[in-house]
Amino acid sequence: MTENLLAIRDLSVAFKEGNNEKRVVDQVTFAIKPAQTLALVGESGSGKSITALSILRLLPYPMACNPTGSIIYQGQDLLTLSPRKLRAIRGNRIAMVFQEPMTSLNPLHTVSKQIGEVLQLHKGLRGKALQQRILELLELVGIDKPPTKLLSYPHQLSGGQRQRVMIAMALACEPELLIADEPTTALDVTVQLKILELLKDLQARLGMSLLIISHDLNIVKRIAHGICVMQQGKIVEQASCEELFKCPQHPYTRQLLAAEPSGTPSGKELGAELLRVEDIKVWFPLPKKLLHRQQDYFRAVDGIDLTIRQGETLGIVGESGSGKSTLGLAILKLIKCHGRINFQGLNIANYSQAQMRAVRRQMQVVFQDPYGSLSPRMSIGQIIGEGLKIHKIGSREQQETAIINVLNEVGLEADSMHRYPHEFSGGQRQRIAIARALVLKPSLILLDEPTSALDRTVQKQVIELLRKLQEKYNIAYLFISHDLAVIKALSHQLMVIKAGHVVEKGLAEQLFSSPQHPYTKQLLEAAFLAPLNDHQTAPNEE
């Protein structure tokens, strides 16, 4: 049996709350072998990221503490190393790719400066040698035309490019262990696949070990040799990837495996035509060039037609930047657009904001990030009841009754109305956002990536809730997502958008079983592809 590169034994992590300690990781034990990929999986709050952050002692000490355990690397316990010795390992021999690159990268520094900082600190590189190594790293992680990206800032890069820059920073010193914390969360399926392939390729070329943290077992299945399943701070099951997927032992593991969004769209008979959009365009003006008379435009949405019937779900898929969300906002008249929008027999394309107020009661929206779309200063009752007040629906007593009823509809207790958004989990906040839209009894709800940041188990619950509400109230959904498993579970019709144009549309079942356009085939292959590994057994094991 090969010697372990890193061994964690009986690790516990607690946070101090006054005179008490709250233990969030409890007696965790696992080991990572050279050139092995180990996955740590579980829902949000299970202790995955805290365990990983403990390896490099990145927790907020002294508020955090380790009551028990050891983390042995090259014969040294990382929990007892001096700060000076730990700095020599952190970012050099063990590196980390954080979950959200936009918040992990410094918005005030260029790509070149941020990667160069690691090389200057650990390798002492300067001048031409430094620039040459930065270019090599950007090329290594697959950044297109590296010289053009050196002076770019994080906000000027796409999500996939930012994640590649984070990986380049982590690989700068060619570490023995790379910790990747949710490296593909909220990325398009095609970008997810590219990042996974990149990590797999880099691991093979550099011979490094990989600890990947994820709540998505579909991601883990593609890349991991071994899996540790965490629940409430404890490892409840540990096995090779092949064994775990073939014969899961723990009920929680089986629950995670069964959490893939499934089922079929509502079978209820569809009603009359509710919404017809014809030749809708959203063009954003680009800065004029010097001595150039003609104005150039970025064509975010360029001549799209669609129809939705009462009780129907139209799924809209495409990569980031394809124009999905822009199209949805244009239909709701939240951004300026051109074209014809016929809703409930009314041509609302040229309606003023004052005229739209009455229509908006019938057109509601649930945004991607529930925490960002719910006011932190308002109670849940105030948030849900705001629409009732604006549209002057019912007396105060009737409004309160409506709020309680809709909270029950979405699976929340009535006393939730007196609490605030920060007191709820991500899934509960999304239920509140759905309740806010539902309380006005709309005919159409725009769902803009409503499940992208949620655990798979919570995604499944939200999808089942949306299906139940649609069958009960005959609501039409305009469902925007890059997650094809979610789209498949809910959509009657499917529209595939690329660069502001529709490349394919039709019955969802037909498009999933027999896609015609190469771009649709590419999205489906990326979403439902087999594992990247030829086998999921740990290397160098007897």
Protein backbone atom coordinates (compact mmCIF):
# COMPACT_ATOMS: atom_id res chain seq x y z
CA MET A 1 0.00 0.00 0.00
CA THR A 2 1.35 3.42 -1.00
CA GLU A 3 2.26 5.87 1.72
CA ASN A 4 -0.22 8.70 2.24
CA LEU A 5 0.57 12.19 1.03
CA LEU A 6 -1.80 13.71 3.60
CA ALA A 7 -3.50 11.98 6.53
CA ILE A 8 -6.27 13.54 8.60
CA ARG A 9 -6.98 11.74 11.89
CA ASP A 10 -9.94 12.43 14.22
CA LEU A 11 -10.15 16.09 13.15
CA SER A 12 -12.70 18.23 14.96
CA VAL A 13 -13.45 21.93 14.37
CA ALA A 14 -15.43 24.11 16.76
CA PHE A 15 -16.43 27.78 16.82
CA LYS A 16 -16.59 29.73 20.05
CA GLU A 17 -19.96 31.28 20.91
CA GLY A 18 -19.46 33.23 24.12
CA ASN A 19 -18.39 30.72 26.75
CA ASN A 20 -19.55 27.77 24.66
CA GLU A 21 -18.15 25.92 21.65
CA LYS A 22 -20.23 24.72 18.71
CA ARG A 23 -18.63 21.71 17.02
CA VAL A 24 -19.16 21.77 13.23
CA VAL A 25 -16.69 19.03 12.23
CA ASP A 26 -16.54 15.94 14.43
CA GLN A 27 -13.82 13.25 14.42
CA VAL A 28 -13.17 13.27 10.65
CA THR A 29 -10.60 10.78 9.35
CA PHE A 30 -9.39 10.24 5.79
CA ALA A 31 -6.16 10.07 3.77
CA ILE A 32 -5.03 11.21 0.32
CA LYS A 33 -2.46 9.19 -1.61
CA PRO A 34 -0.02 10.57 -4.22
CA ALA A 35 -1.70 11.29 -7.59
CA GLN A 36 -5.12 10.35 -6.16
CA THR A 37 -8.35 12.33 -6.50
CA LEU A 38 -10.44 12.23 -3.34
CA ALA A 39 -13.87 13.85 -3.26
CA LEU A 40 -15.55 15.29 -0.18
CA VAL A 41 -19.31 15.46 -0.82
CA GLY A 42 -22.36 16.55 1.13
CA GLU A 43 -24.96 19.28 1.34
CA SER A 44 -24.29 22.87 2.35
CA GLY A 45 -23.44 23.03 6.06
CA SER A 46 -22.11 19.48 6.22
CA GLY A 47 -18.59 20.70 7.06
CA LYS A 48 -16.82 20.00 3.74
CA SER A 49 -15.24 23.43 3.18
CA ILE A 50 -14.38 23.87 6.86
CA THR A 51 -12.50 20.55 6.79
CA ALA A 52 -10.58 21.67 3.69
CA LEU A 53 -9.80 25.13 5.11
CA SER A 54 -8.44 23.44 8.25
CA ILE A 55 -5.68 21.79 6.19
CA LEU A 56 -4.10 25.19 5.47
CA ARG A 57 -5.37 26.73 8.74
CA LEU A 58 -7.42 29.34 6.92
CA LEU A 59 -10.24 29.37 9.49
CA PRO A 60 -10.82 32.50 11.61
CA TYR A 61 -8.59 31.55 14.54
CA PRO A 62 -8.83 32.03 17.55
CA MET A 63 -12.63 32.11 17.13
CA ALA A 64 -12.21 28.68 15.53
CA CYS A 65 -10.34 25.88 17.26
CA ASN A 66 -9.45 22.19 16.82
CA PRO A 67 -10.44 20.28 19.98
CA THR A 68 -9.12 17.00 18.57
CA GLY A 69 -7.17 15.60 15.67
CA SER A 70 -4.09 15.94 13.52
CA ILE A 71 -3.29 16.73 9.86
CA ILE A 72 -0.05 14.96 8.94
CA TYR A 73 1.86 16.11 5.84
CA GLN A 74 5.43 14.88 5.24
CA GLY A 75 5.67 13.77 8.87
CA GLN A 76 4.58 17.17 10.24
CA ASP A 77 1.31 18.04 11.95
CA LEU A 78 0.04 21.13 10.11
CA LEU A 79 -2.12 22.08 13.11
CA THR A 80 0.96 22.60 15.29
CA LEU A 81 3.34 24.20 12.76
CA SER A 82 4.62 27.73 13.39
CA PRO A 83 3.20 30.46 11.10
CA ARG A 84 6.57 30.78 9.32
CA LYS A 85 6.78 27.06 8.48
CA LEU A 86 3.12 26.98 7.46
CA ARG A 87 3.65 29.88 5.02
CA ALA A 88 6.33 27.82 3.27
CA ILE A 89 3.73 25.08 2.62
CA ARG A 90 0.62 27.19 2.02
CA GLY A 91 0.32 28.05 -1.69
CA ASN A 92 3.64 26.33 -2.37
CA ARG A 93 3.25 22.59 -1.60
CA ILE A 94 -0.50 22.65 -0.87
CA ALA A 95 -2.64 25.09 -2.86
CA MET A 96 -6.35 25.87 -2.96
CA VAL A 97 -8.89 26.93 -5.59
CA PHE A 98 -11.76 28.69 -3.85
CA GLN A 99 -15.46 28.36 -4.65
CA GLU A 100 -16.23 31.81 -6.05
CA PRO A 101 -13.38 33.24 -8.16
CA MET A 102 -15.01 36.67 -8.46
CA THR A 103 -14.81 37.20 -4.70
CA SER A 104 -11.47 35.38 -4.32
CA LEU A 105 -9.63 37.45 -6.93
CA ASN A 106 -8.68 41.02 -6.08
CA PRO A 107 -10.83 43.34 -8.26
CA LEU A 108 -8.14 46.06 -8.15
CA HIS A 109 -5.26 43.91 -9.46
CA THR A 110 -4.60 42.56 -12.94
CA VAL A 111 -4.30 38.87 -13.77
CA SER A 112 -0.54 39.31 -14.18
CA LYS A 113 -0.09 40.90 -10.76
CA GLN A 114 -2.15 38.29 -8.92
CA ILE A 115 -0.37 35.27 -10.41
CA GLY A 116 2.98 37.05 -10.18
CA GLU A 117 2.52 37.63 -6.45
CA VAL A 118 2.61 33.88 -5.77
CA LEU A 119 5.74 33.41 -7.89
CA GLN A 120 7.54 36.35 -6.28
CA LEU A 121 6.73 35.17 -2.76
CA HIS A 122 7.61 31.48 -3.14
CA LYS A 123 10.00 31.36 -6.10
CA GLY A 124 11.62 34.78 -5.99
CA LEU A 125 11.03 35.37 -9.72
CA ARG A 126 11.38 38.87 -11.15
CA GLY A 127 11.35 40.68 -14.50
CA LYS A 128 11.30 38.67 -17.73
CA ALA A 129 11.48 35.31 -15.96
CA LEU A 130 8.37 36.23 -13.97
CA GLN A 131 6.42 37.35 -17.05
CA GLN A 132 7.47 34.24 -18.97
CA ARG A 133 6.29 31.93 -16.14
CA ILE A 134 2.94 33.78 -15.90
CA LEU A 135 2.38 33.27 -19.65
CA GLU A 136 3.31 29.58 -19.31
CA LEU A 137 0.77 29.12 -16.51
CA LEU A 138 -2.02 30.87 -18.43
CA GLU A 139 -1.26 28.67 -21.43
CA LEU A 140 -1.15 25.59 -19.20
CA VAL A 141 -4.70 26.21 -17.93
CA GLY A 142 -6.04 26.82 -21.43
CA ILE A 143 -6.50 30.59 -21.45
CA ASP A 144 -6.92 31.73 -25.06
CA LYS A 145 -4.25 34.25 -26.23
CA PRO A 146 -2.52 34.62 -22.82
CA PRO A 147 -0.63 37.88 -23.66
CA THR A 148 -3.95 39.68 -24.18
CA LYS A 149 -5.16 38.68 -20.70
CA LEU A 150 -2.13 39.80 -18.66
CA LEU A 151 -3.50 43.30 -18.03
CA SER A 152 -7.14 42.20 -17.67
CA TYR A 153 -9.02 42.64 -14.38
CA PRO A 154 -11.30 39.89 -12.98
CA HIS A 155 -14.52 41.65 -14.06
CA GLN A 156 -13.28 41.62 -17.67
CA LEU A 157 -13.13 37.81 -17.75
CA SER A 158 -15.89 35.21 -18.07
CA GLY A 159 -16.71 32.84 -15.19
CA GLY A 160 -14.74 30.03 -16.81
CA GLN A 161 -11.73 32.27 -17.46
CA ARG A 162 -11.74 33.52 -13.85
CA GLN A 163 -11.76 29.93 -12.60
CA ARG A 164 -8.81 29.12 -14.89
CA VAL A 165 -6.88 32.10 -13.50
CA MET A 166 -7.54 30.80 -9.96
CA ILE A 167 -6.22 27.39 -11.02
CA ALA A 168 -3.15 29.03 -12.61
CA MET A 169 -2.41 30.83 -9.30
CA ALA A 170 -2.78 27.58 -7.39
CA LEU A 171 -0.48 25.70 -9.80
CA ALA A 172 2.19 28.41 -9.90
CA CYS A 173 4.50 26.50 -7.55
CA GLU A 174 3.53 23.04 -8.84
CA PRO A 175 1.98 21.84 -5.54
CA GLU A 176 1.79 18.24 -4.45
CA LEU A 177 -1.83 18.69 -3.35
CA LEU A 178 -4.50 20.90 -4.94
CA ILE A 179 -7.69 21.54 -2.97
CA ALA A 180 -10.59 22.54 -5.27
CA ASP A 181 -13.62 23.86 -3.35
CA GLU A 182 -16.73 23.63 -5.58
CA PRO A 183 -14.63 24.50 -8.68
CA THR A 184 -17.57 24.26 -11.11
CA THR A 185 -20.49 25.68 -9.10
CA ALA A 186 -22.77 28.00 -11.15
CA LEU A 187 -20.74 27.42 -14.35
CA ASP A 188 -22.35 26.33 -17.62
CA VAL A 189 -22.31 22.60 -18.33
CA THR A 190 -19.84 23.02 -21.18
CA VAL A 191 -17.52 25.14 -19.00
CA GLN A 192 -17.91 22.65 -16.12
CA LEU A 193 -16.74 19.86 -18.41
CA LYS A 194 -13.75 21.91 -19.60
CA ILE A 195 -12.70 22.71 -16.01
CA LEU A 196 -12.98 19.03 -15.00
CA GLU A 197 -11.00 17.93 -18.04
CA LEU A 198 -8.41 20.60 -17.25
CA LEU A 199 -8.03 19.41 -13.63
CA LYS A 200 -7.76 15.80 -14.75
CA ASP A 201 -5.17 16.65 -17.40
CA LEU A 202 -3.11 18.81 -15.04
CA GLN A 203 -3.17 16.11 -12.40
CA ALA A 204 -1.79 13.57 -14.89
CA ARG A 205 0.89 15.95 -16.19
CA LEU A 206 2.06 17.24 -12.81
CA GLY A 207 1.49 14.08 -10.78
CA MET A 208 -0.32 15.99 -8.04
CA SER A 209 -3.07 14.81 -5.70
CA LEU A 210 -6.49 16.45 -5.82
CA LEU A 211 -9.04 17.01 -3.04
CA ILE A 212 -12.27 18.09 -4.70
CA ILE A 213 -15.21 19.42 -2.67
CA SER A 214 -18.67 19.33 -4.21
CA HIS A 215 -22.36 18.90 -3.51
CA ASP A 216 -22.89 17.51 -7.02
CA LEU A 217 -22.34 13.76 -7.25
CA ASN A 218 -22.53 13.95 -11.05
CA ILE A 219 -19.36 16.07 -10.98
CA VAL A 220 -17.67 13.75 -8.48
CA LYS A 221 -18.46 10.66 -10.53
CA ARG A 222 -16.51 12.03 -13.47
CA ILE A 223 -13.21 12.69 -11.75
CA ALA A 224 -12.82 11.03 -8.32
CA HIS A 225 -11.06 7.81 -7.34
CA GLY A 226 -12.38 7.80 -3.76
CA ILE A 227 -15.32 9.54 -2.07
CA CYS A 228 -16.01 10.63 1.51
CA VAL A 229 -19.65 11.51 2.22
CA MET A 230 -20.16 14.11 4.96
CA GLN A 231 -23.33 14.82 6.92
CA GLN A 232 -23.59 17.24 9.85
CA GLY A 233 -19.83 17.38 10.35
CA LYS A 234 -19.20 13.63 10.22
CA ILE A 235 -18.06 11.24 7.51
CA VAL A 236 -20.91 8.75 7.18
CA GLU A 237 -19.47 6.71 4.31
CA GLN A 238 -16.09 6.30 2.63
CA ALA A 239 -15.45 4.14 -0.44
CA SER A 240 -14.00 4.03 -3.95
CA CYS A 241 -16.07 5.92 -6.51
CA GLU A 242 -17.05 2.73 -8.29
CA GLU A 243 -18.17 0.97 -5.10
CA LEU A 244 -20.10 3.94 -3.76
CA PHE A 245 -22.14 4.45 -6.94
CA LYS A 246 -22.69 0.73 -7.41
CA CYS A 247 -23.61 -0.16 -3.82
CA PRO A 248 -24.08 2.81 -1.43
CA GLN A 249 -24.32 1.70 2.21
CA HIS A 250 -25.51 4.72 4.20
CA PRO A 251 -29.11 6.07 3.88
CA TYR A 252 -27.76 9.61 3.43
CA THR A 253 -25.56 8.51 0.50
CA ARG A 254 -28.57 6.86 -1.11
CA GLN A 255 -30.53 10.07 -0.56
CA LEU A 256 -27.85 12.11 -2.34
CA LEU A 257 -27.73 9.67 -5.24
CA ALA A 258 -31.51 9.82 -5.59
CA ALA A 259 -31.54 13.63 -5.48
CA GLU A 260 -31.02 14.17 -9.22
CA PRO A 261 -34.01 16.26 -10.45
CA SER A 262 -36.37 13.81 -12.09
CA GLY A 263 -39.96 13.31 -13.16
CA THR A 264 -41.87 14.69 -16.10
CA PRO A 265 -43.59 18.01 -16.79
CA SER A 266 -47.15 18.53 -15.61
CA GLY A 267 -49.54 16.34 -17.58
CA LYS A 268 -52.47 18.73 -17.11
CA GLU A 269 -54.16 19.86 -20.33
CA LEU A 270 -52.74 23.17 -21.52
CA GLY A 271 -54.92 26.25 -21.84
CA ALA A 272 -55.17 29.00 -24.42
CA GLU A 273 -52.24 31.04 -25.69
CA LEU A 274 -50.99 33.32 -22.91
CA LEU A 275 -47.89 34.98 -24.34
CA ARG A 276 -46.67 35.52 -27.90
CA VAL A 277 -43.37 37.26 -28.59
CA GLU A 278 -42.33 38.11 -32.14
CA ASP A 279 -39.01 39.41 -33.45
CA ILE A 280 -37.88 40.70 -30.06
CA LYS A 281 -34.52 42.51 -30.08
CA VAL A 282 -32.30 43.91 -27.33
CA TRP A 283 -29.31 45.79 -28.71
CA PHE A 284 -26.81 47.56 -26.47
CA PRO A 285 -24.86 50.47 -28.03
CA LEU A 286 -21.09 50.09 -28.08
CA PRO A 287 -18.72 53.06 -27.60
CA LYS A 288 -18.29 55.00 -30.83
CA LYS A 289 -14.93 54.84 -32.51
CA LEU A 290 -13.11 58.09 -33.29
CA LEU A 291 -14.39 59.69 -36.55
CA HIS A 292 -16.82 56.79 -36.93
CA ARG A 293 -20.34 58.05 -37.66
CA GLN A 294 -22.26 54.79 -37.49
CA GLN A 295 -23.18 53.44 -34.06
CA ASP A 296 -22.24 49.80 -33.42
CA TYR A 297 -24.35 47.54 -31.20
CA PHE A 298 -23.95 44.39 -29.16
CA ARG A 299 -26.92 42.23 -30.16
CA ALA A 300 -27.75 40.44 -26.92
CA VAL A 301 -31.14 39.24 -28.26
CA ASP A 302 -31.59 39.39 -32.00
CA GLY A 303 -35.01 38.54 -33.42
CA ILE A 304 -36.47 35.82 -31.17
CA ASP A 305 -40.02 34.44 -31.41
CA LEU A 306 -41.76 32.32 -28.76
CA THR A 307 -45.22 31.25 -27.62
CA ILE A 308 -46.40 30.01 -24.21
CA ARG A 309 -49.82 28.58 -23.38
CA GLN A 310 -51.51 28.72 -19.97
CA GLY A 311 -50.10 26.00 -17.72
CA GLU A 312 -47.09 25.36 -19.97
CA THR A 313 -43.35 25.49 -19.15
CA LEU A 314 -40.98 26.80 -21.78
CA GLY A 315 -37.39 25.95 -20.91
CA ILE A 316 -34.70 28.28 -22.23
CA VAL A 317 -31.13 26.95 -22.20
CA GLY A 318 -27.76 28.23 -23.34
CA GLU A 319 -24.37 29.20 -21.98
CA SER A 320 -23.67 32.36 -19.98
CA GLY A 321 -23.86 35.39 -22.25
CA SER A 322 -26.21 33.69 -24.73
CA GLY A 323 -29.03 36.16 -23.99
CA LYS A 324 -31.34 33.97 -21.85
CA SER A 325 -31.83 36.34 -18.92
CA THR A 326 -31.88 39.41 -21.19
CA LEU A 327 -34.75 37.85 -23.13
CA GLY A 328 -36.69 37.18 -19.92
CA LEU A 329 -36.21 40.74 -18.65
CA ALA A 330 -37.28 42.11 -22.04
CA ILE A 331 -40.51 40.09 -22.00
CA LEU A 332 -41.31 41.49 -18.54
CA LYS A 333 -40.52 45.00 -19.86
CA LEU A 334 -37.75 45.45 -17.30
CA ILE A 335 -35.27 46.52 -20.00
CA LYS A 336 -35.76 48.39 -23.27
CA CYS A 337 -36.48 46.20 -26.28
CA HIS A 338 -38.00 46.22 -29.77
CA GLY A 339 -40.53 43.78 -31.17
CA ARG A 340 -44.07 42.59 -30.43
CA ILE A 341 -45.12 41.27 -27.00
CA ASN A 342 -48.71 40.03 -26.79
CA PHE A 343 -49.76 39.04 -23.25
CA GLN A 344 -53.32 37.92 -22.44
CA GLY A 345 -54.49 39.45 -25.72
CA LEU A 346 -52.86 42.85 -25.02
CA ASN A 347 -49.98 44.29 -27.07
CA ILE A 348 -47.76 45.52 -24.24
CA ALA A 349 -44.64 46.22 -26.31
CA ASN A 350 -45.11 49.99 -26.12
CA TYR A 351 -46.68 50.20 -22.68
CA SER A 352 -45.29 52.83 -20.31
CA GLN A 353 -44.17 51.83 -16.82
CA ALA A 354 -47.44 53.26 -15.45
CA GLN A 355 -49.46 51.10 -17.86
CA MET A 356 -47.35 48.05 -16.99
CA ARG A 357 -48.18 48.24 -13.27
CA ALA A 358 -51.57 46.57 -13.70
CA VAL A 359 -50.06 43.91 -16.00
CA ARG A 360 -47.21 43.10 -13.61
CA ARG A 361 -49.59 41.48 -11.17
CA GLN A 362 -49.98 38.72 -13.76
CA MET A 363 -46.24 38.57 -14.64
CA GLN A 364 -43.96 37.71 -11.73
CA VAL A 365 -40.30 36.72 -11.44
CA VAL A 366 -38.10 34.51 -9.23
CA PHE A 367 -34.42 35.49 -9.46
CA GLN A 368 -31.28 33.34 -9.39
CA ASP A 369 -29.92 34.52 -6.04
CA PRO A 370 -32.68 34.60 -3.40
CA TYR A 371 -30.41 36.22 -0.81
CA GLY A 372 -29.60 39.09 -3.16
CA SER A 373 -33.21 39.58 -4.26
CA LEU A 374 -34.75 39.64 -0.76
CA SER A 375 -34.35 42.86 1.24
CA PRO A 376 -32.36 42.14 4.44
CA ARG A 377 -34.19 44.98 6.23
CA MET A 378 -37.69 43.61 5.66
CA SER A 379 -39.34 40.71 7.44
CA ILE A 380 -40.61 37.77 5.38
CA GLY A 381 -44.18 38.97 5.90
CA GLN A 382 -43.29 42.42 4.58
CA ILE A 383 -41.44 40.98 1.58
CA ILE A 384 -44.32 38.71 0.54
CA GLY A 385 -47.00 41.29 1.33
CA GLU A 386 -45.33 44.14 -0.57
CA GLY A 387 -47.06 43.20 -3.84
CA LEU A 388 -50.45 42.99 -2.14
CA LYS A 389 -49.98 46.52 -0.79
CA ILE A 390 -48.81 47.96 -4.12
CA HIS A 391 -51.77 46.48 -5.97
CA LYS A 392 -54.17 47.31 -3.10
CA ILE A 393 -55.43 43.76 -2.76
CA GLY A 394 -57.64 43.12 0.29
CA SER A 395 -57.71 44.59 3.79
CA ARG A 396 -54.80 44.24 6.24
CA GLU A 397 -56.38 41.14 7.78
CA GLN A 398 -56.97 39.59 4.34
CA GLN A 399 -53.38 40.34 3.32
CA GLU A 400 -52.04 38.65 6.45
CA THR A 401 -54.21 35.61 5.77
CA ALA A 402 -52.94 35.48 2.17
CA ILE A 403 -49.32 35.64 3.40
CA ILE A 404 -49.87 32.77 5.86
CA ASN A 405 -51.63 30.69 3.19
CA VAL A 406 -48.88 31.16 0.62
CA LEU A 407 -46.17 30.32 3.20
CA ASN A 408 -48.00 27.05 3.87
CA GLU A 409 -48.23 26.46 0.09
CA VAL A 410 -44.45 26.62 -0.29
CA GLY A 411 -43.80 24.45 2.76
CA LEU A 412 -42.90 27.08 5.39
CA GLU A 413 -44.39 27.68 8.83
CA ALA A 414 -46.71 30.64 9.41
CA ASP A 415 -44.40 32.15 12.05
CA SER A 416 -41.73 32.54 9.35
CA MET A 417 -43.39 35.83 8.43
CA HIS A 418 -41.86 37.51 11.49
CA ARG A 419 -38.28 36.45 10.68
CA TYR A 420 -35.68 37.90 8.28
CA PRO A 421 -33.95 36.43 5.18
CA HIS A 422 -30.58 35.80 6.89
CA GLU A 423 -32.30 33.40 9.31
CA PHE A 424 -33.13 30.94 6.51
CA SER A 425 -31.18 28.45 4.39
CA GLY A 426 -30.71 28.92 0.64
CA GLY A 427 -33.55 26.54 -0.20
CA GLN A 428 -35.90 28.22 2.27
CA ARG A 429 -35.05 31.66 0.85
CA GLN A 430 -35.90 30.42 -2.64
CA ARG A 431 -39.26 29.17 -1.32
CA ILE A 432 -39.84 32.69 0.08
CA ALA A 433 -39.04 34.17 -3.35
CA ILE A 434 -41.54 31.76 -4.92
CA ALA A 435 -44.13 32.73 -2.28
CA ARG A 436 -43.61 36.43 -3.07
CA ALA A 437 -44.39 35.73 -6.74
CA LEU A 438 -47.25 33.31 -6.01
CA VAL A 439 -49.18 35.50 -3.56
CA LEU A 440 -50.43 37.71 -6.43
CA LYS A 441 -51.83 34.63 -8.25
CA PRO A 442 -50.02 35.41 -11.52
CA SER A 443 -50.59 33.75 -14.89
CA LEU A 444 -46.88 33.74 -15.79
CA ILE A 445 -43.74 33.40 -13.65
CA LEU A 446 -40.24 33.97 -15.02
CA LEU A 447 -37.84 31.58 -13.24
CA ASP A 448 -34.29 32.82 -13.83
CA GLU A 449 -31.83 30.09 -12.74
CA PRO A 450 -33.89 29.46 -9.56
CA THR A 451 -31.93 26.35 -8.52
CA SER A 452 -28.36 27.01 -9.73
CA ALA A 453 -26.83 27.72 -6.31
CA LEU A 454 -28.75 25.03 -4.40
CA ASP A 455 -27.77 21.52 -3.33
CA ARG A 456 -29.14 18.69 -5.48
CA THR A 457 -31.48 17.52 -2.72
CA VAL A 458 -32.88 21.06 -2.36
CA GLN A 459 -33.08 21.46 -6.15
CA LYS A 460 -35.26 18.37 -6.32
CA GLN A 461 -37.58 19.75 -3.61
CA VAL A 462 -37.90 23.12 -5.40
CA ILE A 463 -38.65 21.43 -8.75
CA GLU A 464 -41.35 19.26 -7.13
CA LEU A 465 -42.82 22.36 -5.47
CA LEU A 466 -42.93 24.25 -8.79
CA ARG A 467 -44.57 21.28 -10.52
CA LYS A 468 -47.21 21.01 -7.76
CA LEU A 469 -48.00 24.75 -7.90
CA GLN A 470 -48.26 24.66 -11.69
CA GLU A 471 -50.74 21.78 -11.61
CA LYS A 472 -52.82 23.46 -8.89
CA TYR A 473 -52.94 27.02 -10.29
CA ASN A 474 -52.32 26.39 -14.01
CA ILE A 475 -49.38 28.84 -14.04
CA ALA A 476 -47.15 29.21 -17.11
CA TYR A 477 -43.40 29.15 -16.45
CA LEU A 478 -40.66 30.75 -18.50
CA PHE A 479 -37.81 28.64 -17.07
CA ILE A 480 -34.26 29.88 -17.71
CA SER A 481 -31.40 27.56 -16.74
CA HIS A 482 -28.06 26.12 -17.81
CA ASP A 483 -28.83 22.92 -15.84
CA LEU A 484 -30.34 20.50 -18.35
CA ALA A 485 -31.35 17.94 -15.71
CA VAL A 486 -33.56 20.58 -14.06
CA ILE A 487 -34.96 21.75 -17.41
CA LYS A 488 -35.77 18.18 -18.43
CA ALA A 489 -37.79 17.57 -15.26
CA LEU A 490 -40.12 20.55 -15.75
CA SER A 491 -40.31 21.74 -19.38
CA HIS A 492 -42.91 20.98 -22.03
CA GLN A 493 -41.16 23.04 -24.71
CA LEU A 494 -37.45 23.74 -25.05
CA MET A 495 -35.60 26.62 -26.70
CA VAL A 496 -31.82 26.60 -27.18
CA ILE A 497 -30.19 30.04 -27.49
CA LYS A 498 -26.68 30.89 -28.64
CA ALA A 499 -25.32 34.44 -29.07
CA GLY A 500 -28.80 35.98 -29.02
CA HIS A 501 -30.30 33.63 -31.62
CA VAL A 502 -32.51 30.53 -31.33
CA VAL A 503 -30.60 27.58 -32.79
CA GLU A 504 -33.24 24.94 -32.02
CA LYS A 505 -36.68 24.73 -30.42
CA GLY A 506 -39.51 22.25 -30.07
CA LEU A 507 -40.95 19.66 -27.69
CA ALA A 508 -38.52 19.15 -24.81
CA GLU A 509 -38.86 15.36 -24.93
CA GLN A 510 -38.03 15.36 -28.65
CA LEU A 511 -35.00 17.66 -28.31
CA PHE A 512 -33.56 15.62 -25.45
CA SER A 513 -33.98 12.33 -27.32
CA SER A 514 -33.05 13.54 -30.81
CA PRO A 515 -31.25 16.92 -30.92
CA GLN A 516 -30.56 18.25 -34.41
CA HIS A 517 -28.25 21.24 -33.99
CA PRO A 518 -24.55 20.63 -33.14
CA TYR A 519 -24.73 23.19 -30.30
CA THR A 520 -27.67 21.35 -28.68
CA LYS A 521 -25.77 18.08 -28.99
CA GLN A 522 -22.73 19.72 -27.38
CA LEU A 523 -24.79 20.92 -24.38
CA LEU A 524 -26.41 17.51 -23.89
CA GLU A 525 -23.10 15.66 -24.14
CA ALA A 526 -21.54 17.98 -21.56
CA ALA A 527 -24.50 17.58 -19.18
CA PHE A 528 -24.97 13.81 -19.36
CA LEU A 529 -21.51 12.54 -20.25
CA ALA A 530 -19.97 9.44 -18.67
CA PRO A 531 -17.13 9.78 -16.13
CA LEU A 532 -13.81 11.24 -17.31
CA ASN A 533 -11.96 8.36 -15.66
CA ASP A 534 -11.59 5.05 -17.42
CA HIS A 535 -11.76 3.55 -13.93
CA GLN A 536 -12.31 4.97 -10.47
CA THR A 537 -9.90 2.91 -8.46
CA ALA A 538 -7.21 4.76 -6.58
CA PRO A 539 -3.80 4.62 -8.29
CA ASN A 540 -0.85 2.81 -6.73
CA GLU A 541 -3.07 0.60 -4.60
CA GLU A 542 -2.68 -3.13 -4.30
